[in-house]
Protein backbone atom coordinates (compact mmCIF):
# COMPACT_ATOMS: atom_id res chain seq x y z
CA MET A 1 -15.97 -26.19 -13.67
CA SER A 2 -15.92 -23.56 -10.94
CA ALA A 3 -13.52 -20.66 -10.55
CA PRO A 4 -10.78 -21.02 -7.94
CA GLN A 5 -11.38 -19.38 -4.59
CA LEU A 6 -9.32 -16.27 -4.05
CA PRO A 7 -8.29 -15.15 -0.57
CA TYR A 8 -10.67 -12.52 0.77
CA ALA A 9 -9.29 -9.69 2.87
CA PRO A 10 -12.07 -7.24 3.66
CA SER A 11 -10.86 -3.67 3.34
CA VAL A 12 -11.98 -0.09 2.96
CA VAL A 13 -9.96 2.51 1.08
CA SER A 14 -10.82 6.19 1.04
CA PHE A 15 -9.18 9.59 0.92
CA PHE A 16 -9.62 13.21 1.93
CA MET A 17 -7.98 16.41 0.83
CA VAL A 18 -5.68 18.63 2.89
CA GLY A 19 -5.32 21.66 0.68
CA SER A 20 -4.08 20.29 -2.64
CA GLU A 21 -2.69 17.11 -1.03
CA ARG A 22 -4.62 13.85 -1.19
CA VAL A 23 -4.39 11.81 2.03
CA THR A 24 -5.31 8.14 1.56
CA TRP A 25 -6.44 5.84 4.32
CA GLU A 26 -7.01 2.08 4.28
CA LEU A 27 -8.68 -0.17 6.84
CA VAL A 28 -7.87 -3.87 6.42
CA SER A 29 -9.01 -6.93 8.36
CA VAL A 30 -5.81 -8.64 9.53
CA ASP A 31 -7.26 -11.96 10.71
CA ASN A 32 -10.47 -13.71 11.73
CA THR A 33 -10.29 -12.46 15.32
CA GLY A 34 -11.43 -8.94 14.40
CA VAL A 35 -8.02 -7.27 14.46
CA CYS A 36 -7.71 -4.57 11.82
CA ARG A 37 -4.98 -2.27 10.56
CA LEU A 38 -5.47 1.41 9.77
CA SER A 39 -2.92 2.99 7.41
CA VAL A 40 -2.98 6.72 6.66
CA SER A 41 -0.61 7.88 3.88
CA HIS A 42 0.27 11.56 3.66
CA SER A 43 3.17 13.71 2.43
CA GLY A 44 5.02 13.30 5.74
CA GLY A 45 4.89 9.50 5.71
CA VAL A 46 2.53 6.72 6.75
CA ILE A 47 0.73 6.23 10.05
CA VAL A 48 -0.03 2.57 10.82
CA GLU A 49 -2.06 1.49 13.85
CA TYR A 50 -3.78 -1.76 14.87
CA PHE A 51 -7.19 -2.06 16.55
CA THR A 52 -9.40 -4.78 18.00
CA SER A 53 -12.54 -3.33 16.39
CA THR A 54 -13.43 -1.49 13.21
CA ALA A 55 -15.36 1.07 15.25
CA ALA A 56 -12.19 2.02 17.15
CA ALA A 57 -10.20 2.21 13.91
CA LEU A 58 -12.81 4.43 12.23
CA GLN A 59 -12.89 6.70 15.29
CA ARG A 60 -9.09 7.02 15.11
CA GLU A 61 -9.26 7.77 11.37
CA SER A 62 -11.70 10.55 12.17
CA GLU A 63 -9.31 11.95 14.79
CA ILE A 64 -6.33 11.83 12.41
CA GLU A 65 -8.34 13.47 9.66
CA ALA A 66 -9.43 16.22 12.05
CA LEU A 67 -5.81 16.82 13.07
CA LEU A 68 -4.62 17.04 9.47
CA THR A 69 -7.49 19.20 8.21
CA GLY A 70 -7.92 21.38 11.29
CA MET A 71 -11.58 20.34 11.62
CA SER A 72 -13.20 18.78 14.68
CA ALA A 73 -13.80 15.02 14.73
CA THR A 74 -17.36 13.73 15.03
CA HIS A 75 -18.33 11.22 17.67
CA ASN A 76 -19.78 8.61 15.31
CA GLY A 77 -16.56 7.68 13.52
CA SER A 78 -17.15 9.64 10.33
CA SER A 79 -15.58 12.91 9.40
CA LYS A 80 -17.15 16.26 8.58
């Protein structure tokens, strides 16, 4: 007997610190067409944006992180 198939929603969850505050971000695949949702949760609320590629979403996460931390964003989609 095999285990039942569970729905698979690829996602990435991470966080960074802004002073003593933890800012959490999540990147989730919305459907099979490549659309993904970026959610950034911080003390002021939640930023939610949709993208047609994960590369664009990761670049935006890097920009948001740079804005919140006061650091400059890198060009490869990851933060310093």
